N, C-alpha and C. Protein backbone atom coordinates (compact mmCIF):
# COMPACT_ATOMS: atom_id res chain seq x y z
N MET A 1 29.21 18.92 40.12
CA MET A 1 29.75 18.27 38.93
C MET A 1 30.85 19.13 38.33
N THR A 2 31.83 18.44 37.83
CA THR A 2 32.92 19.15 37.17
C THR A 2 32.65 19.19 35.67
N THR A 3 33.39 20.02 35.01
CA THR A 3 33.27 20.12 33.56
C THR A 3 33.60 18.79 32.90
N PHE A 4 34.58 18.08 33.46
CA PHE A 4 34.96 16.78 32.91
C PHE A 4 33.80 15.80 33.00
N ASP A 5 33.11 15.77 34.13
CA ASP A 5 31.96 14.87 34.29
C ASP A 5 30.85 15.21 33.30
N ASP A 6 30.62 16.50 33.10
CA ASP A 6 29.61 16.93 32.15
C ASP A 6 29.96 16.49 30.73
N ARG A 7 31.23 16.65 30.37
CA ARG A 7 31.67 16.25 29.03
C ARG A 7 31.56 14.74 28.85
N GLU A 8 31.94 13.98 29.90
CA GLU A 8 31.85 12.53 29.82
C GLU A 8 30.40 12.09 29.63
N ARG A 9 29.49 12.68 30.38
CA ARG A 9 28.08 12.36 30.27
C ARG A 9 27.55 12.72 28.87
N ALA A 10 28.00 13.84 28.34
CA ALA A 10 27.58 14.26 26.99
C ALA A 10 28.08 13.28 25.94
N PHE A 11 29.32 12.82 26.06
CA PHE A 11 29.85 11.84 25.11
C PHE A 11 29.10 10.51 25.20
N GLU A 12 28.78 10.08 26.43
CA GLU A 12 28.03 8.83 26.60
C GLU A 12 26.64 8.95 25.99
N THR A 13 26.00 10.08 26.18
CA THR A 13 24.67 10.31 25.62
C THR A 13 24.73 10.32 24.10
N LYS A 14 25.72 10.98 23.54
CA LYS A 14 25.88 11.02 22.08
C LYS A 14 26.15 9.64 21.53
N PHE A 15 26.98 8.87 22.19
CA PHE A 15 27.28 7.51 21.75
C PHE A 15 26.01 6.66 21.74
N ALA A 16 25.23 6.74 22.80
CA ALA A 16 23.98 5.96 22.87
C ALA A 16 23.02 6.38 21.77
N ARG A 17 22.92 7.67 21.53
CA ARG A 17 22.03 8.17 20.48
C ARG A 17 22.50 7.71 19.10
N ASP A 18 23.81 7.77 18.87
CA ASP A 18 24.36 7.33 17.58
C ASP A 18 24.15 5.84 17.37
N GLU A 19 24.31 5.04 18.41
CA GLU A 19 24.09 3.59 18.30
C GLU A 19 22.63 3.27 18.01
N GLU A 20 21.73 3.99 18.66
CA GLU A 20 20.30 3.79 18.41
C GLU A 20 19.95 4.16 16.98
N MET A 21 20.51 5.25 16.49
CA MET A 21 20.24 5.67 15.11
C MET A 21 20.79 4.65 14.12
N ALA A 22 21.98 4.13 14.37
CA ALA A 22 22.56 3.12 13.49
C ALA A 22 21.67 1.88 13.45
N PHE A 23 21.15 1.46 14.59
CA PHE A 23 20.24 0.31 14.65
C PHE A 23 18.97 0.58 13.85
N ARG A 24 18.40 1.76 14.02
CA ARG A 24 17.18 2.11 13.31
C ARG A 24 17.40 2.17 11.80
N ILE A 25 18.55 2.70 11.38
CA ILE A 25 18.87 2.77 9.95
C ILE A 25 18.99 1.36 9.39
N THR A 26 19.68 0.48 10.10
CA THR A 26 19.85 -0.89 9.62
C THR A 26 18.52 -1.62 9.54
N ALA A 27 17.68 -1.47 10.54
CA ALA A 27 16.37 -2.12 10.52
C ALA A 27 15.51 -1.59 9.37
N ARG A 28 15.52 -0.27 9.17
CA ARG A 28 14.76 0.32 8.06
C ARG A 28 15.31 -0.14 6.73
N ARG A 29 16.65 -0.17 6.61
CA ARG A 29 17.29 -0.62 5.38
C ARG A 29 16.89 -2.06 5.06
N ASN A 30 16.89 -2.92 6.07
CA ASN A 30 16.54 -4.32 5.84
C ASN A 30 15.09 -4.46 5.40
N ARG A 31 14.22 -3.66 5.96
CA ARG A 31 12.81 -3.70 5.55
C ARG A 31 12.68 -3.25 4.08
N LEU A 32 13.36 -2.15 3.74
CA LEU A 32 13.33 -1.67 2.35
C LEU A 32 13.95 -2.69 1.41
N LEU A 33 15.00 -3.35 1.85
CA LEU A 33 15.66 -4.38 1.05
C LEU A 33 14.72 -5.56 0.84
N GLY A 34 13.98 -5.93 1.88
CA GLY A 34 12.99 -6.99 1.74
C GLY A 34 11.89 -6.62 0.76
N GLN A 35 11.48 -5.38 0.79
CA GLN A 35 10.46 -4.92 -0.17
C GLN A 35 11.01 -4.92 -1.58
N TRP A 36 12.27 -4.54 -1.75
CA TRP A 36 12.91 -4.57 -3.07
C TRP A 36 12.96 -5.99 -3.60
N ALA A 37 13.41 -6.92 -2.75
CA ALA A 37 13.51 -8.33 -3.18
C ALA A 37 12.13 -8.91 -3.47
N ALA A 38 11.15 -8.55 -2.67
CA ALA A 38 9.79 -9.04 -2.89
C ALA A 38 9.25 -8.57 -4.24
N ALA A 39 9.57 -7.34 -4.61
CA ALA A 39 9.15 -6.81 -5.92
C ALA A 39 9.83 -7.61 -7.04
N GLN A 40 11.10 -7.97 -6.83
CA GLN A 40 11.81 -8.77 -7.83
C GLN A 40 11.15 -10.15 -7.99
N MET A 41 10.64 -10.68 -6.86
CA MET A 41 10.01 -12.01 -6.88
C MET A 41 8.52 -11.95 -7.20
N LYS A 42 8.02 -10.72 -7.40
CA LYS A 42 6.61 -10.49 -7.73
C LYS A 42 5.66 -11.07 -6.66
N LEU A 43 5.95 -10.77 -5.41
CA LEU A 43 5.11 -11.22 -4.31
C LEU A 43 3.90 -10.30 -4.14
N THR A 44 2.85 -10.83 -3.54
CA THR A 44 1.66 -10.02 -3.25
C THR A 44 1.98 -9.04 -2.12
N PRO A 45 1.14 -8.02 -1.91
CA PRO A 45 1.40 -7.07 -0.82
C PRO A 45 1.51 -7.76 0.56
N GLU A 46 0.68 -8.75 0.81
CA GLU A 46 0.73 -9.46 2.08
C GLU A 46 2.03 -10.25 2.20
N GLU A 47 2.42 -10.91 1.12
CA GLU A 47 3.67 -11.67 1.10
C GLU A 47 4.87 -10.73 1.23
N THR A 48 4.76 -9.56 0.60
CA THR A 48 5.84 -8.56 0.68
C THR A 48 6.06 -8.13 2.12
N ASP A 49 4.98 -7.85 2.84
CA ASP A 49 5.09 -7.42 4.23
C ASP A 49 5.74 -8.51 5.08
N ALA A 50 5.30 -9.73 4.91
CA ALA A 50 5.86 -10.85 5.68
C ALA A 50 7.32 -11.08 5.31
N TYR A 51 7.65 -10.96 4.04
CA TYR A 51 9.02 -11.18 3.60
C TYR A 51 9.95 -10.08 4.14
N ALA A 52 9.48 -8.85 4.11
CA ALA A 52 10.30 -7.74 4.64
C ALA A 52 10.59 -7.96 6.13
N LYS A 53 9.61 -8.45 6.87
CA LYS A 53 9.83 -8.74 8.29
C LYS A 53 10.83 -9.88 8.45
N ALA A 54 10.77 -10.88 7.56
CA ALA A 54 11.71 -12.00 7.62
C ALA A 54 13.14 -11.54 7.35
N VAL A 55 13.30 -10.57 6.46
CA VAL A 55 14.64 -10.05 6.17
C VAL A 55 15.18 -9.30 7.39
N VAL A 56 14.33 -8.53 8.06
CA VAL A 56 14.75 -7.84 9.28
C VAL A 56 15.19 -8.86 10.32
N GLN A 57 14.42 -9.94 10.49
CA GLN A 57 14.77 -10.98 11.45
C GLN A 57 16.06 -11.70 11.08
N ALA A 58 16.31 -11.87 9.79
CA ALA A 58 17.51 -12.57 9.34
C ALA A 58 18.78 -11.85 9.76
N ASP A 59 18.70 -10.54 9.96
CA ASP A 59 19.89 -9.77 10.33
C ASP A 59 20.36 -10.09 11.74
N PHE A 60 19.53 -10.74 12.54
CA PHE A 60 19.92 -11.04 13.92
C PHE A 60 20.67 -12.37 14.03
N GLU A 61 20.88 -13.07 12.92
CA GLU A 61 21.56 -14.36 12.96
C GLU A 61 23.04 -14.22 13.27
N GLU A 62 23.69 -13.22 12.71
CA GLU A 62 25.12 -13.00 12.96
C GLU A 62 25.43 -11.53 12.76
N ALA A 63 26.57 -11.11 13.25
CA ALA A 63 26.98 -9.71 13.10
C ALA A 63 27.29 -9.41 11.63
N GLY A 64 27.01 -8.20 11.24
CA GLY A 64 27.31 -7.79 9.86
C GLY A 64 26.14 -8.06 8.93
N ASP A 65 26.40 -7.84 7.64
CA ASP A 65 25.35 -7.94 6.63
C ASP A 65 25.34 -9.27 5.89
N GLU A 66 26.28 -10.15 6.18
CA GLU A 66 26.41 -11.39 5.41
C GLU A 66 25.18 -12.27 5.50
N ASP A 67 24.53 -12.32 6.67
CA ASP A 67 23.34 -13.14 6.82
C ASP A 67 22.20 -12.62 5.94
N VAL A 68 22.06 -11.32 5.83
CA VAL A 68 21.02 -10.73 4.99
C VAL A 68 21.32 -10.97 3.51
N VAL A 69 22.57 -10.74 3.12
CA VAL A 69 22.95 -10.96 1.72
C VAL A 69 22.73 -12.42 1.33
N ARG A 70 23.15 -13.33 2.20
CA ARG A 70 22.98 -14.77 1.94
C ARG A 70 21.50 -15.13 1.78
N LYS A 71 20.65 -14.60 2.66
CA LYS A 71 19.21 -14.88 2.58
C LYS A 71 18.64 -14.36 1.27
N LEU A 72 18.96 -13.12 0.92
CA LEU A 72 18.39 -12.53 -0.28
C LEU A 72 18.86 -13.25 -1.55
N VAL A 73 20.15 -13.54 -1.63
CA VAL A 73 20.66 -14.24 -2.81
C VAL A 73 19.99 -15.61 -2.93
N GLY A 74 19.89 -16.32 -1.82
CA GLY A 74 19.25 -17.64 -1.83
C GLY A 74 17.79 -17.58 -2.22
N ASP A 75 17.05 -16.64 -1.64
CA ASP A 75 15.61 -16.52 -1.92
C ASP A 75 15.36 -16.06 -3.36
N LEU A 76 16.13 -15.09 -3.82
CA LEU A 76 15.94 -14.59 -5.18
C LEU A 76 16.29 -15.68 -6.20
N THR A 77 17.36 -16.40 -5.96
CA THR A 77 17.75 -17.48 -6.87
C THR A 77 16.70 -18.58 -6.87
N ALA A 78 16.20 -18.94 -5.70
CA ALA A 78 15.17 -19.98 -5.60
C ALA A 78 13.88 -19.57 -6.31
N ALA A 79 13.61 -18.27 -6.35
CA ALA A 79 12.41 -17.77 -7.01
C ALA A 79 12.61 -17.60 -8.51
N GLY A 80 13.80 -17.92 -9.00
CA GLY A 80 14.06 -17.82 -10.43
C GLY A 80 14.43 -16.44 -10.92
N VAL A 81 14.78 -15.55 -9.99
CA VAL A 81 15.19 -14.20 -10.36
C VAL A 81 16.67 -14.24 -10.74
N ASP A 82 16.99 -13.67 -11.88
CA ASP A 82 18.38 -13.63 -12.35
C ASP A 82 19.12 -12.53 -11.59
N THR A 83 19.86 -12.92 -10.56
CA THR A 83 20.59 -11.97 -9.73
C THR A 83 21.86 -12.61 -9.21
N ASP A 84 22.69 -11.80 -8.60
CA ASP A 84 23.90 -12.31 -7.97
C ASP A 84 24.21 -11.47 -6.74
N GLU A 85 25.26 -11.84 -6.05
CA GLU A 85 25.62 -11.15 -4.82
C GLU A 85 25.95 -9.68 -5.06
N THR A 86 26.54 -9.37 -6.19
CA THR A 86 26.89 -7.98 -6.51
C THR A 86 25.64 -7.11 -6.60
N ALA A 87 24.60 -7.63 -7.25
CA ALA A 87 23.35 -6.88 -7.38
C ALA A 87 22.69 -6.68 -6.02
N VAL A 88 22.74 -7.70 -5.18
CA VAL A 88 22.14 -7.59 -3.85
C VAL A 88 22.92 -6.58 -3.01
N ARG A 89 24.24 -6.60 -3.10
CA ARG A 89 25.04 -5.63 -2.34
C ARG A 89 24.81 -4.20 -2.84
N ALA A 90 24.61 -4.04 -4.13
CA ALA A 90 24.30 -2.70 -4.68
C ALA A 90 22.96 -2.22 -4.13
N ALA A 91 21.97 -3.12 -4.09
CA ALA A 91 20.67 -2.77 -3.53
C ALA A 91 20.79 -2.45 -2.04
N LEU A 92 21.63 -3.19 -1.35
CA LEU A 92 21.85 -2.95 0.07
C LEU A 92 22.39 -1.54 0.30
N GLU A 93 23.35 -1.15 -0.50
CA GLU A 93 23.92 0.20 -0.38
C GLU A 93 22.88 1.27 -0.70
N ALA A 94 22.11 1.05 -1.76
CA ALA A 94 21.08 2.03 -2.15
C ALA A 94 20.01 2.15 -1.06
N GLN A 95 19.63 1.04 -0.47
CA GLN A 95 18.59 1.08 0.56
C GLN A 95 19.13 1.66 1.87
N THR A 96 20.43 1.55 2.11
CA THR A 96 21.03 2.20 3.28
C THR A 96 20.89 3.71 3.16
N VAL A 97 21.19 4.23 1.99
CA VAL A 97 21.05 5.67 1.75
C VAL A 97 19.60 6.09 1.92
N GLU A 98 18.68 5.32 1.35
CA GLU A 98 17.26 5.64 1.45
C GLU A 98 16.77 5.58 2.90
N ALA A 99 17.18 4.57 3.64
CA ALA A 99 16.78 4.45 5.04
C ALA A 99 17.27 5.63 5.85
N ARG A 100 18.51 6.03 5.64
CA ARG A 100 19.07 7.18 6.36
C ARG A 100 18.28 8.44 6.00
N ARG A 101 17.97 8.62 4.72
CA ARG A 101 17.21 9.79 4.27
C ARG A 101 15.83 9.81 4.94
N GLN A 102 15.15 8.66 4.95
CA GLN A 102 13.82 8.61 5.54
C GLN A 102 13.84 8.93 7.03
N LEU A 103 14.82 8.39 7.73
CA LEU A 103 14.90 8.65 9.18
C LEU A 103 15.27 10.08 9.48
N MET A 104 16.12 10.68 8.67
CA MET A 104 16.50 12.07 8.89
C MET A 104 15.30 13.00 8.64
N GLN A 105 14.48 12.66 7.66
CA GLN A 105 13.30 13.47 7.37
C GLN A 105 12.24 13.34 8.47
N SER A 106 12.17 12.18 9.10
CA SER A 106 11.13 11.96 10.10
C SER A 106 11.46 12.60 11.45
N GLU A 107 12.70 13.02 11.63
CA GLU A 107 13.07 13.63 12.93
C GLU A 107 12.97 15.12 12.90
């Protein structure tokens, strides 16, 4: 093996690791976001767990965060919670930081 091959393999490995971490952060963030929204809607612990899983699943509908934001705004509004897209996006940002912190601590 040449030095170039070793470097290429190292970059590919780092890229794969970074992509996996980004996926894990997003999944954790969505779960935390679901728990946040469930608390706003005053759901039971069982309902909270199911709702958090539903939020994680909602992220697979399309690329980006728009599907999650749309679901949360719709569900919170339907539950009579006084919220808007700005509040949901602020929670999304806060939960992203928390998810990253939790994953960094667990490694």
